[in-house]
Structures are given as structure tokens and as C-alpha cells.
């Protein structure tokens, strides 16, 4: 069973933006951060820790992945980052989650001479009893969609297939009855014709 959470983080300087994301141990989470169009060319990164309170104070937030690449996936260990310049968002994927990954993270845009732009992500990783259940959380702040479970999808597909099979069977039975009825009429007509000829 899969549970998918979708969130949006909007990165606006001077505006506090934060979102809480829940992931499952062994699963993965996708965090998508929207940034201002003027920073399309800037480097994007994802770090763990609090937002630095000074310009270029890297001691507060430990960088996990960073890219200057545009419209291309970059990978580093369990982390991947994709800067989608057309959608003006960048997405970070964290794989093989464990409870130790719970904590505060930042989506960051490197603004070179100014203080970087940040969006805070609070990640909570929980252990699920069902080994097959994973959580993929997509996190850009402000909008969220409710979770969609894999079991409800399987049930919906099964019901749809059952309906299709029922309709096909009804069509086959109807056609068979019509054919049988036609055959019986022909047989009756033949018998009557043969009887009168005698």
C-alpha cells in the first residue's frame, strides 16, 4: 500500500514558510520548493538544520545536496535534486528513510551576495507495521492534497474490471439468445413447410 502526500513550499524572502511532512521508514519523500522567477539561474540546495540568521552562515544548516544544473536530475547518495526552470520549482527526493532522518530541513536558493532564500521542512519519519507501505511526500508549501491509498485504487480498478466483464457477458448472452431464437424460428419454418408439402 502506498500513501502519497503532496505539499508546496513557497519561498518568498521575508515570509516564514514551513511545512510538516510525514514519511515512512524504508520509503521515500519528494519535497518540491517553489522559488521566485528572478532566481532561475541561481544554485539550489537542500540542507539539514535551522535557517542561518546571517548571510552565508553555513554552520546552521548542513548541506546535503546542491546543484547549478537546470532541468536535469543530480544525485548524491540517498538524495536527488531536480531544478525545473519552466515550473520555477526544484524537487528534492530522499530515499531509504529511517527514523533518524526526522528533523528540520531547508530548501535553499543561493543568492550569492544577499541572504539565501529558505523554506523550512519539518520531516517526521515513522515506522509502519506493513513493510510494503511507503510514503512519498512531495512538499512545496501552501497547497496540499489528501492522501491516496493504493488499496482504494486496487478496489476501484477491480470494480471497474468486474463491470466491464459483466457487460461483455450480457452482450454475449443476448446475442446467443437472438441467434438461438432465429435458429428455432428457421427450424419451425422448415418443419411447417415440410409438413404442408407432405
N, C-alpha and C. Protein backbone atom coordinates (compact mmCIF):
# COMPACT_ATOMS: atom_id res chain seq x y z
N UNK A 1 0.86 -1.17 0.00
CA UNK A 1 0.00 0.00 0.00
C UNK A 1 0.90 1.23 0.00
N UNK A 2 0.60 2.21 -0.84
CA UNK A 2 1.37 3.44 -0.89
C UNK A 2 0.52 4.59 -0.43
N UNK A 3 1.14 5.51 0.30
CA UNK A 3 0.44 6.72 0.70
C UNK A 3 1.23 7.87 0.11
N UNK A 4 0.57 8.74 -0.62
CA UNK A 4 1.25 9.84 -1.26
C UNK A 4 0.75 11.14 -0.67
N UNK A 5 1.65 11.95 -0.18
CA UNK A 5 1.30 13.27 0.35
C UNK A 5 1.86 14.32 -0.60
N UNK A 6 1.12 15.34 -0.86
CA UNK A 6 1.60 16.41 -1.73
C UNK A 6 1.48 17.75 -1.01
N UNK A 7 2.58 18.48 -0.97
CA UNK A 7 2.61 19.80 -0.35
C UNK A 7 3.37 20.75 -1.26
N UNK A 8 3.26 22.04 -1.04
CA UNK A 8 4.02 23.01 -1.81
C UNK A 8 4.68 24.01 -0.88
N UNK A 9 5.97 24.22 -1.05
CA UNK A 9 6.69 25.21 -0.25
C UNK A 9 6.94 26.43 -1.13
N UNK A 10 6.45 27.55 -0.71
CA UNK A 10 6.63 28.78 -1.46
C UNK A 10 7.75 29.57 -0.80
N UNK A 11 8.81 29.83 -1.56
CA UNK A 11 9.98 30.50 -0.99
C UNK A 11 9.95 31.99 -1.31
N UNK A 12 9.48 32.77 -0.37
CA UNK A 12 9.42 34.21 -0.54
C UNK A 12 10.26 34.84 0.56
N UNK A 13 11.29 35.62 0.19
CA UNK A 13 12.13 36.24 1.20
C UNK A 13 11.30 37.08 2.16
N UNK A 14 11.60 36.94 3.45
CA UNK A 14 10.90 37.74 4.45
C UNK A 14 9.60 37.13 4.92
N UNK A 15 9.14 36.08 4.26
CA UNK A 15 7.90 35.42 4.65
C UNK A 15 8.24 34.06 5.23
N UNK A 16 7.74 33.78 6.43
CA UNK A 16 8.03 32.49 7.04
C UNK A 16 7.24 31.42 6.31
N UNK A 17 7.94 30.44 5.78
CA UNK A 17 7.25 29.35 5.09
C UNK A 17 7.78 28.04 5.66
N UNK A 18 6.87 27.21 6.11
CA UNK A 18 7.25 25.96 6.73
C UNK A 18 6.16 24.93 6.49
N UNK A 19 6.57 23.67 6.39
CA UNK A 19 5.59 22.60 6.21
C UNK A 19 6.07 21.37 6.97
N UNK A 20 5.12 20.61 7.47
CA UNK A 20 5.45 19.34 8.13
C UNK A 20 5.15 18.22 7.16
N UNK A 21 6.09 17.29 7.03
CA UNK A 21 5.96 16.17 6.11
C UNK A 21 6.17 14.87 6.90
N UNK A 22 5.32 13.88 6.65
CA UNK A 22 5.49 12.58 7.29
C UNK A 22 5.92 11.56 6.25
N UNK A 23 6.95 10.81 6.59
CA UNK A 23 7.44 9.75 5.71
C UNK A 23 7.48 8.44 6.47
N UNK A 24 7.60 7.35 5.73
CA UNK A 24 7.66 6.02 6.35
C UNK A 24 9.05 5.43 6.23
N UNK A 25 9.48 4.78 7.27
CA UNK A 25 10.78 4.14 7.30
C UNK A 25 10.92 3.17 6.12
N UNK A 26 12.02 3.31 5.38
CA UNK A 26 12.25 2.47 4.21
C UNK A 26 11.68 3.06 2.93
N UNK A 27 10.84 4.08 3.05
CA UNK A 27 10.21 4.70 1.88
C UNK A 27 10.99 5.90 1.38
N UNK A 28 10.28 6.75 0.65
CA UNK A 28 10.92 7.97 0.14
C UNK A 28 9.96 9.13 0.24
N UNK A 29 10.53 10.33 0.17
CA UNK A 29 9.72 11.54 0.22
C UNK A 29 10.24 12.51 -0.83
N UNK A 30 9.31 13.19 -1.51
CA UNK A 30 9.67 14.21 -2.51
C UNK A 30 9.25 15.56 -1.96
N UNK A 31 10.17 16.49 -1.94
CA UNK A 31 9.89 17.83 -1.43
C UNK A 31 10.12 18.80 -2.58
N UNK A 32 9.07 19.50 -2.97
CA UNK A 32 9.17 20.42 -4.11
C UNK A 32 9.02 21.85 -3.64
N UNK A 33 10.02 22.66 -3.89
CA UNK A 33 10.02 24.04 -3.41
C UNK A 33 9.92 25.03 -4.56
N UNK A 34 8.96 25.94 -4.46
CA UNK A 34 8.77 26.97 -5.48
C UNK A 34 9.62 28.18 -5.12
N UNK A 35 10.27 28.77 -6.12
CA UNK A 35 11.09 29.96 -5.86
C UNK A 35 10.70 31.08 -6.82
N UNK A 36 11.21 32.28 -6.56
CA UNK A 36 10.91 33.43 -7.43
C UNK A 36 11.61 33.28 -8.78
N UNK A 37 10.94 33.70 -9.84
CA UNK A 37 11.45 33.55 -11.21
C UNK A 37 12.81 34.21 -11.39
N UNK A 38 13.08 35.28 -10.66
CA UNK A 38 14.35 36.00 -10.80
C UNK A 38 15.55 35.16 -10.37
N UNK A 39 15.29 34.04 -9.65
CA UNK A 39 16.38 33.19 -9.18
C UNK A 39 16.52 31.89 -9.98
N UNK A 40 15.97 31.88 -11.19
CA UNK A 40 16.05 30.68 -12.04
C UNK A 40 17.49 30.25 -12.27
N UNK A 41 18.39 31.19 -12.46
CA UNK A 41 19.79 30.86 -12.77
C UNK A 41 20.61 30.50 -11.53
N UNK A 42 20.10 30.78 -10.34
CA UNK A 42 20.85 30.55 -9.10
C UNK A 42 20.91 29.06 -8.74
N UNK A 43 21.92 28.71 -7.95
CA UNK A 43 22.07 27.33 -7.47
C UNK A 43 20.97 27.03 -6.44
N UNK A 44 20.54 25.79 -6.41
CA UNK A 44 19.51 25.35 -5.45
C UNK A 44 20.14 24.26 -4.58
N UNK A 45 19.74 24.23 -3.31
CA UNK A 45 20.28 23.20 -2.43
C UNK A 45 19.28 22.80 -1.35
N UNK A 46 19.61 21.69 -0.68
CA UNK A 46 18.77 21.16 0.39
C UNK A 46 19.71 20.86 1.55
N UNK A 47 19.37 21.37 2.72
CA UNK A 47 20.26 21.17 3.87
C UNK A 47 19.45 20.79 5.10
N UNK A 48 20.18 20.25 6.10
CA UNK A 48 19.52 19.85 7.34
C UNK A 48 19.92 20.81 8.45
N UNK A 49 18.93 21.28 9.20
CA UNK A 49 19.19 22.17 10.32
C UNK A 49 18.35 23.42 10.24
N UNK A 50 18.68 24.38 11.12
CA UNK A 50 17.93 25.63 11.17
C UNK A 50 18.37 26.57 10.05
N UNK A 51 17.49 27.54 9.77
CA UNK A 51 17.80 28.55 8.76
C UNK A 51 18.88 29.48 9.33
N UNK A 52 19.96 29.71 8.57
CA UNK A 52 21.01 30.63 9.04
C UNK A 52 20.43 32.03 9.26
N UNK A 53 20.90 32.69 10.32
CA UNK A 53 20.41 34.04 10.59
C UNK A 53 21.32 35.12 10.02
N UNK A 54 22.44 34.71 9.41
CA UNK A 54 23.37 35.66 8.81
C UNK A 54 23.61 35.27 7.37
N UNK A 55 24.13 36.23 6.60
CA UNK A 55 24.46 35.95 5.20
C UNK A 55 25.60 34.94 5.17
N UNK A 56 25.41 33.86 4.41
CA UNK A 56 26.42 32.82 4.19
C UNK A 56 26.93 32.17 5.48
N UNK A 57 26.04 31.95 6.43
CA UNK A 57 26.41 31.25 7.65
C UNK A 57 26.03 29.78 7.47
N UNK A 58 26.97 28.97 6.99
CA UNK A 58 26.69 27.58 6.67
C UNK A 58 26.69 26.67 7.90
N UNK A 59 27.07 27.21 9.06
CA UNK A 59 27.15 26.39 10.26
C UNK A 59 25.77 25.96 10.76
N UNK A 60 24.77 26.70 10.42
CA UNK A 60 23.43 26.40 10.92
C UNK A 60 22.79 25.24 10.17
N UNK A 61 23.03 25.18 8.87
CA UNK A 61 22.35 24.21 8.03
C UNK A 61 23.38 23.40 7.26
N UNK A 62 23.39 22.08 7.49
CA UNK A 62 24.36 21.19 6.87
C UNK A 62 23.87 20.76 5.48
N UNK A 63 24.60 21.17 4.44
CA UNK A 63 24.19 20.92 3.04
C UNK A 63 24.24 19.42 2.71
N UNK A 64 23.13 18.93 2.12
CA UNK A 64 23.02 17.52 1.75
C UNK A 64 23.17 17.31 0.24
N UNK A 65 22.65 18.26 -0.54
CA UNK A 65 22.77 18.20 -1.99
C UNK A 65 22.60 19.61 -2.54
N UNK A 66 23.36 19.90 -3.60
CA UNK A 66 23.30 21.24 -4.23
C UNK A 66 23.52 21.08 -5.72
N UNK A 67 22.89 21.94 -6.51
CA UNK A 67 23.10 21.88 -7.96
C UNK A 67 23.03 23.25 -8.61
N UNK A 68 23.87 23.40 -9.63
CA UNK A 68 23.80 24.57 -10.52
C UNK A 68 23.14 24.14 -11.83
N UNK A 69 22.93 22.82 -11.98
CA UNK A 69 22.33 22.25 -13.19
C UNK A 69 20.86 22.66 -13.29
N UNK A 70 20.40 22.84 -14.51
CA UNK A 70 19.00 23.21 -14.76
C UNK A 70 18.31 22.10 -15.54
N UNK A 71 17.09 21.78 -15.15
CA UNK A 71 16.26 20.80 -15.85
C UNK A 71 16.97 19.45 -16.03
N UNK A 72 17.65 19.03 -14.98
CA UNK A 72 18.39 17.77 -15.02
C UNK A 72 18.52 17.24 -13.59
N UNK A 73 18.30 15.92 -13.42
CA UNK A 73 18.44 15.32 -12.09
C UNK A 73 19.91 15.24 -11.70
N UNK A 74 20.19 15.59 -10.44
CA UNK A 74 21.53 15.47 -9.87
C UNK A 74 21.38 14.55 -8.66
N UNK A 75 22.31 13.59 -8.49
CA UNK A 75 22.19 12.62 -7.41
C UNK A 75 23.39 12.69 -6.48
N UNK A 76 23.13 12.49 -5.19
CA UNK A 76 24.18 12.45 -4.18
C UNK A 76 23.72 11.53 -3.05
N UNK A 77 24.23 10.31 -3.04
CA UNK A 77 23.83 9.35 -2.02
C UNK A 77 22.34 9.05 -2.08
N UNK A 78 21.64 9.25 -0.97
CA UNK A 78 20.20 8.99 -0.90
C UNK A 78 19.37 10.17 -1.42
N UNK A 79 20.03 11.23 -1.86
CA UNK A 79 19.34 12.46 -2.26
C UNK A 79 19.45 12.70 -3.77
N UNK A 80 18.36 13.23 -4.33
CA UNK A 80 18.36 13.66 -5.73
C UNK A 80 17.70 15.02 -5.77
N UNK A 81 18.13 15.88 -6.70
CA UNK A 81 17.58 17.22 -6.83
C UNK A 81 17.37 17.55 -8.30
N UNK A 82 16.21 18.11 -8.61
CA UNK A 82 15.88 18.50 -9.98
C UNK A 82 15.34 19.93 -9.98
N UNK A 83 16.03 20.82 -10.71
CA UNK A 83 15.59 22.22 -10.80
C UNK A 83 14.80 22.39 -12.10
N UNK A 84 13.49 22.49 -11.96
CA UNK A 84 12.59 22.64 -13.11
C UNK A 84 12.37 24.14 -13.35
N UNK A 85 13.15 24.70 -14.27
CA UNK A 85 13.12 26.15 -14.50
C UNK A 85 11.82 26.62 -15.16
N UNK A 86 11.15 25.73 -15.90
CA UNK A 86 9.88 26.13 -16.52
C UNK A 86 8.77 26.26 -15.48
N UNK A 87 8.75 25.33 -14.53
CA UNK A 87 7.72 25.37 -13.48
C UNK A 87 8.15 26.26 -12.32
N UNK A 88 9.40 26.71 -12.33
CA UNK A 88 10.00 27.53 -11.27
C UNK A 88 9.90 26.82 -9.91
N UNK A 89 10.28 25.56 -9.90
CA UNK A 89 10.33 24.77 -8.66
C UNK A 89 11.55 23.86 -8.72
N UNK A 90 12.03 23.47 -7.54
CA UNK A 90 13.01 22.39 -7.53
C UNK A 90 12.54 21.32 -6.56
N UNK A 91 12.80 20.07 -6.96
CA UNK A 91 12.31 18.92 -6.19
C UNK A 91 13.48 18.14 -5.62
N UNK A 92 13.37 17.82 -4.34
CA UNK A 92 14.38 17.00 -3.67
C UNK A 92 13.74 15.67 -3.30
N UNK A 93 14.41 14.58 -3.64
CA UNK A 93 13.93 13.25 -3.26
C UNK A 93 14.88 12.66 -2.23
N UNK A 94 14.31 12.20 -1.11
CA UNK A 94 15.08 11.49 -0.07
C UNK A 94 14.62 10.04 -0.10
N UNK A 95 15.57 9.11 -0.25
CA UNK A 95 15.24 7.70 -0.31
C UNK A 95 15.69 6.96 0.95
N UNK A 96 15.18 5.74 1.11
CA UNK A 96 15.55 4.86 2.23
C UNK A 96 15.49 5.59 3.57
N UNK A 97 14.33 6.16 3.83
CA UNK A 97 14.15 6.93 5.06
C UNK A 97 14.28 6.06 6.30
N UNK A 98 14.78 6.66 7.37
CA UNK A 98 14.81 5.99 8.67
C UNK A 98 14.37 7.03 9.70
N UNK A 99 14.06 6.56 10.90
CA UNK A 99 13.60 7.48 11.95
C UNK A 99 14.64 8.53 12.28
N UNK A 100 15.92 8.23 12.04
CA UNK A 100 16.99 9.20 12.29
C UNK A 100 16.90 10.42 11.37
N UNK A 101 16.17 10.25 10.25
CA UNK A 101 16.03 11.37 9.31
C UNK A 101 15.02 12.42 9.79
N UNK A 102 14.27 12.12 10.82
CA UNK A 102 13.30 13.08 11.35
C UNK A 102 14.05 14.33 11.80
N UNK A 103 13.50 15.49 11.49
CA UNK A 103 14.13 16.74 11.89
C UNK A 103 13.77 17.89 10.99
N UNK A 104 14.52 18.98 11.12
CA UNK A 104 14.27 20.20 10.36
C UNK A 104 15.24 20.31 9.19
N UNK A 105 14.69 20.63 8.01
CA UNK A 105 15.48 20.80 6.79
C UNK A 105 15.13 22.14 6.17
N UNK A 106 15.95 22.55 5.20
CA UNK A 106 15.71 23.80 4.47
C UNK A 106 15.88 23.57 2.98
N UNK A 107 14.93 24.12 2.20
CA UNK A 107 15.13 24.24 0.75
C UNK A 107 15.79 25.60 0.59
N UNK A 108 16.92 25.65 -0.07
CA UNK A 108 17.63 26.92 -0.19
C UNK A 108 17.93 27.33 -1.61
N UNK A 109 17.87 28.65 -1.85
CA UNK A 109 18.28 29.23 -3.13
C UNK A 109 19.49 30.11 -2.84
N UNK A 110 20.62 29.82 -3.49
CA UNK A 110 21.85 30.58 -3.29
C UNK A 110 21.72 31.93 -4.00
N UNK A 111 21.69 33.00 -3.19
CA UNK A 111 21.52 34.33 -3.78
C UNK A 111 22.83 35.12 -3.77
N UNK A 112 23.96 34.43 -3.75
CA UNK A 112 25.34 34.96 -3.80
C UNK A 112 25.61 36.11 -2.82
N UNK A 113 25.27 37.34 -3.15
CA UNK A 113 25.63 38.48 -2.28
C UNK A 113 24.59 38.75 -1.19
N UNK A 114 23.36 38.31 -1.38
CA UNK A 114 22.31 38.52 -0.37
C UNK A 114 22.15 37.27 0.48
N UNK A 115 21.34 37.41 1.52
CA UNK A 115 21.00 36.24 2.34
C UNK A 115 20.18 35.28 1.48
N UNK A 116 20.53 33.99 1.56
CA UNK A 116 19.83 32.99 0.76
C UNK A 116 18.35 32.93 1.13
N UNK A 117 17.56 32.45 0.17
CA UNK A 117 16.12 32.29 0.37
C UNK A 117 15.87 30.87 0.87
N UNK A 118 15.05 30.73 1.93
CA UNK A 118 14.81 29.41 2.53
C UNK A 118 13.33 29.09 2.67
N UNK A 119 13.04 27.80 2.66
CA UNK A 119 11.72 27.30 3.01
C UNK A 119 11.96 26.11 3.94
N UNK A 120 11.36 26.17 5.12
CA UNK A 120 11.62 25.14 6.14
C UNK A 120 10.73 23.91 5.95
N UNK A 121 11.34 22.74 6.12
CA UNK A 121 10.63 21.47 6.03
C UNK A 121 10.86 20.71 7.33
N UNK A 122 9.78 20.33 8.00
CA UNK A 122 9.91 19.51 9.21
C UNK A 122 9.48 18.10 8.85
N UNK A 123 10.45 17.20 8.86
CA UNK A 123 10.21 15.82 8.45
C UNK A 123 10.06 14.92 9.66
N UNK A 124 9.02 14.11 9.65
CA UNK A 124 8.79 13.12 10.69
C UNK A 124 8.72 11.75 10.02
N UNK A 125 9.68 10.89 10.33
CA UNK A 125 9.71 9.55 9.74
C UNK A 125 9.22 8.56 10.78
N UNK A 126 8.21 7.77 10.41
CA UNK A 126 7.66 6.78 11.33
C UNK A 126 7.81 5.38 10.77
N UNK A 127 7.87 4.40 11.67
CA UNK A 127 7.97 3.01 11.24
C UNK A 127 6.57 2.46 11.08
N UNK A 128 6.30 1.88 9.94
CA UNK A 128 4.98 1.32 9.63
C UNK A 128 5.04 -0.18 9.83
N UNK A 129 3.97 -0.76 10.37
CA UNK A 129 3.91 -2.21 10.60
C UNK A 129 3.98 -2.97 9.28
N UNK A 130 3.28 -2.46 8.28
CA UNK A 130 3.26 -3.12 6.97
C UNK A 130 4.53 -2.75 6.22
N UNK A 131 5.39 -3.73 5.93
CA UNK A 131 6.67 -3.47 5.27
C UNK A 131 6.51 -2.88 3.89
N UNK A 132 5.39 -3.20 3.21
CA UNK A 132 5.20 -2.76 1.83
C UNK A 132 4.70 -1.33 1.73
N UNK A 133 4.35 -0.74 2.86
CA UNK A 133 3.79 0.61 2.81
C UNK A 133 4.91 1.63 2.83
N UNK A 134 4.92 2.48 1.83
CA UNK A 134 5.92 3.55 1.78
C UNK A 134 5.20 4.87 1.61
N UNK A 135 5.87 5.92 2.00
CA UNK A 135 5.27 7.23 1.84
C UNK A 135 6.15 8.06 0.95
N UNK A 136 5.54 8.65 -0.03
CA UNK A 136 6.26 9.57 -0.87
C UNK A 136 5.62 10.92 -0.64
N UNK A 137 6.36 11.84 -0.09
CA UNK A 137 5.78 13.14 0.19
C UNK A 137 6.40 14.17 -0.71
N UNK A 138 5.57 14.87 -1.38
CA UNK A 138 6.03 15.93 -2.26
C UNK A 138 5.74 17.21 -1.54
N UNK A 139 6.73 18.02 -1.33
CA UNK A 139 6.48 19.15 -0.49
C UNK A 139 6.89 20.47 -1.09
N UNK A 140 5.99 21.14 -1.73
CA UNK A 140 6.07 22.57 -1.89
C UNK A 140 4.95 23.15 -1.05
N UNK A 141 5.14 24.14 -0.23
CA UNK A 141 4.20 24.64 0.79
C UNK A 141 2.95 25.34 0.27
N UNK A 142 1.98 25.49 1.09
CA UNK A 142 0.74 26.21 0.87
C UNK A 142 -0.38 25.34 0.31
N UNK A 143 -0.13 24.48 -0.65
CA UNK A 143 -1.23 23.63 -1.15
C UNK A 143 -0.98 22.21 -0.72
N UNK A 144 -2.02 21.53 -0.34
CA UNK A 144 -1.84 20.13 -0.03
C UNK A 144 -3.02 19.35 -0.53
N UNK A 145 -2.74 18.13 -0.99
CA UNK A 145 -3.84 17.27 -1.41
C UNK A 145 -3.89 16.09 -0.48
N UNK A 146 -5.08 15.55 -0.27
CA UNK A 146 -5.23 14.46 0.68
C UNK A 146 -4.59 13.20 0.15
N UNK A 147 -4.21 12.30 1.09
CA UNK A 147 -3.53 11.09 0.69
C UNK A 147 -4.40 10.17 -0.15
N UNK A 148 -3.75 9.47 -1.07
CA UNK A 148 -4.46 8.50 -1.90
C UNK A 148 -3.85 7.15 -1.58
N UNK A 149 -4.65 6.20 -1.14
CA UNK A 149 -4.09 4.91 -0.77
C UNK A 149 -4.13 3.96 -1.95
N UNK A 150 -3.13 3.09 -2.01
CA UNK A 150 -3.04 2.11 -3.08
C UNK A 150 -4.17 1.12 -3.04
N UNK A 151 -4.65 0.77 -1.82
CA UNK A 151 -5.73 -0.22 -1.72
C UNK A 151 -7.02 0.31 -2.32
N UNK A 152 -7.31 1.61 -2.15
CA UNK A 152 -8.53 2.15 -2.75
C UNK A 152 -8.43 2.16 -4.27
N UNK A 153 -7.22 2.35 -4.79
CA UNK A 153 -7.00 2.31 -6.23
C UNK A 153 -7.23 0.88 -6.75
N UNK A 154 -6.72 -0.11 -6.03
CA UNK A 154 -6.89 -1.51 -6.43
C UNK A 154 -8.37 -1.89 -6.42
N UNK A 155 -9.09 -1.45 -5.38
CA UNK A 155 -10.53 -1.74 -5.28
C UNK A 155 -11.27 -1.10 -6.45
N UNK A 156 -10.96 0.16 -6.77
CA UNK A 156 -11.62 0.86 -7.87
C UNK A 156 -11.38 0.15 -9.20
N UNK A 157 -10.14 -0.26 -9.45
CA UNK A 157 -9.80 -0.95 -10.70
C UNK A 157 -10.52 -2.30 -10.77
N UNK A 158 -10.58 -3.01 -9.63
CA UNK A 158 -11.26 -4.32 -9.59
C UNK A 158 -12.74 -4.17 -9.90
N UNK A 159 -13.39 -3.17 -9.31
CA UNK A 159 -14.82 -2.93 -9.56
C UNK A 159 -15.05 -2.59 -11.02
N UNK A 160 -14.18 -1.76 -11.59
CA UNK A 160 -14.30 -1.38 -12.99
C UNK A 160 -14.16 -2.61 -13.90
N UNK A 161 -13.17 -3.46 -13.62
CA UNK A 161 -12.99 -4.68 -14.42
C UNK A 161 -14.19 -5.60 -14.30
N UNK A 162 -14.75 -5.72 -13.10
CA UNK A 162 -15.93 -6.55 -12.88
C UNK A 162 -17.11 -6.04 -13.70
N UNK A 163 -17.30 -4.72 -13.74
CA UNK A 163 -18.37 -4.12 -14.54
C UNK A 163 -18.18 -4.40 -16.03
N UNK A 164 -16.96 -4.25 -16.50
CA UNK A 164 -16.67 -4.49 -17.92
C UNK A 164 -16.95 -5.95 -18.28
N UNK A 165 -16.51 -6.90 -17.42
CA UNK A 165 -16.75 -8.32 -17.68
C UNK A 165 -18.24 -8.62 -17.69
N UNK A 166 -19.01 -8.01 -16.76
CA UNK A 166 -20.46 -8.22 -16.70
C UNK A 166 -21.13 -7.74 -17.97
N UNK A 167 -20.75 -6.56 -18.46
CA UNK A 167 -21.33 -6.02 -19.69
C UNK A 167 -21.03 -6.94 -20.87
N UNK A 168 -19.79 -7.41 -20.96
CA UNK A 168 -19.40 -8.31 -22.06
C UNK A 168 -20.22 -9.59 -22.01
N UNK A 169 -20.40 -10.17 -20.81
CA UNK A 169 -21.20 -11.39 -20.67
C UNK A 169 -22.65 -11.16 -21.07
N UNK A 170 -23.21 -10.01 -20.68
CA UNK A 170 -24.59 -9.69 -21.05
C UNK A 170 -24.75 -9.59 -22.57
N UNK A 171 -23.80 -8.96 -23.22
CA UNK A 171 -23.84 -8.84 -24.68
C UNK A 171 -23.76 -10.21 -25.33
N UNK A 172 -22.87 -11.07 -24.84
CA UNK A 172 -22.72 -12.42 -25.40
C UNK A 172 -24.00 -13.22 -25.21
N UNK A 173 -24.59 -13.18 -24.02
CA UNK A 173 -25.83 -13.93 -23.75
C UNK A 173 -26.96 -13.42 -24.64
N UNK A 174 -27.08 -12.10 -24.78
CA UNK A 174 -28.13 -11.52 -25.62
C UNK A 174 -27.97 -11.96 -27.07
N UNK A 175 -26.75 -11.89 -27.58
CA UNK A 175 -26.50 -12.32 -28.95
C UNK A 175 -26.79 -13.81 -29.12
N UNK A 176 -26.41 -14.62 -28.15
CA UNK A 176 -26.65 -16.07 -28.22
C UNK A 176 -28.14 -16.36 -28.23
N UNK A 177 -28.91 -15.65 -27.38
CA UNK A 177 -30.37 -15.86 -27.34
C UNK A 177 -31.01 -15.48 -28.67
N UNK A 178 -30.56 -14.35 -29.22
CA UNK A 178 -31.11 -13.93 -30.52
C UNK A 178 -30.81 -14.96 -31.59
N UNK A 179 -29.61 -15.47 -31.56
CA UNK A 179 -29.21 -16.47 -32.55
C UNK A 179 -30.01 -17.75 -32.35
N UNK A 180 -30.18 -18.14 -31.07
CA UNK A 180 -30.97 -19.34 -30.77
C UNK A 180 -32.41 -19.15 -31.22
N UNK A 181 -32.94 -17.97 -30.95
CA UNK A 181 -34.33 -17.67 -31.33
C UNK A 181 -34.48 -17.73 -32.84
N UNK A 182 -33.50 -17.19 -33.55
CA UNK A 182 -33.51 -17.19 -35.00
C UNK A 182 -33.42 -18.62 -35.54
N UNK A 183 -32.57 -19.43 -34.91
CA UNK A 183 -32.41 -20.83 -35.31
C UNK A 183 -33.71 -21.60 -35.08
N UNK A 184 -34.35 -21.37 -33.93
CA UNK A 184 -35.62 -22.05 -33.62
C UNK A 184 -36.69 -21.66 -34.64
N UNK A 185 -36.75 -20.37 -35.00
CA UNK A 185 -37.73 -19.91 -35.99
C UNK A 185 -37.50 -20.58 -37.34
N UNK A 186 -36.25 -20.68 -37.74
CA UNK A 186 -35.92 -21.32 -39.02
C UNK A 186 -36.29 -22.80 -39.00
N UNK A 187 -36.00 -23.45 -37.87
CA UNK A 187 -36.33 -24.86 -37.73
C UNK A 187 -37.84 -25.07 -37.78
N UNK A 188 -38.58 -24.19 -37.12
CA UNK A 188 -40.05 -24.26 -37.11
C UNK A 188 -40.60 -24.03 -38.52
N UNK A 189 -40.06 -23.04 -39.21
CA UNK A 189 -40.49 -22.72 -40.56
C UNK A 189 -40.21 -23.89 -41.50
N UNK A 190 -39.05 -24.48 -41.35
CA UNK A 190 -38.68 -25.63 -42.17
C UNK A 190 -39.63 -26.80 -41.92
N UNK A 191 -39.93 -27.05 -40.64
CA UNK A 191 -40.82 -28.15 -40.28
C UNK A 191 -42.22 -27.93 -40.83
N UNK A 192 -42.73 -26.71 -40.66
CA UNK A 192 -44.07 -26.40 -41.17
C UNK A 192 -44.13 -26.50 -42.69
N UNK A 193 -43.14 -26.00 -43.35
CA UNK A 193 -43.08 -26.06 -44.81
C UNK A 193 -43.03 -27.52 -45.26
N UNK A 194 -42.22 -28.28 -44.62
CA UNK A 194 -42.09 -29.70 -44.93
C UNK A 194 -43.40 -30.46 -44.68
N UNK A 195 -44.10 -30.08 -43.59
CA UNK A 195 -45.38 -30.71 -43.23
C UNK A 195 -46.45 -30.43 -44.30
N UNK A 196 -46.52 -29.15 -44.76
CA UNK A 196 -47.52 -28.79 -45.78
C UNK A 196 -47.23 -29.44 -47.13
N UNK A 197 -45.96 -29.61 -47.41
CA UNK A 197 -45.58 -30.25 -48.67
C UNK A 197 -45.99 -31.71 -48.70
N UNK A 198 -46.05 -32.29 -47.54
CA UNK A 198 -46.47 -33.69 -47.49
C UNK A 198 -47.96 -33.75 -47.70
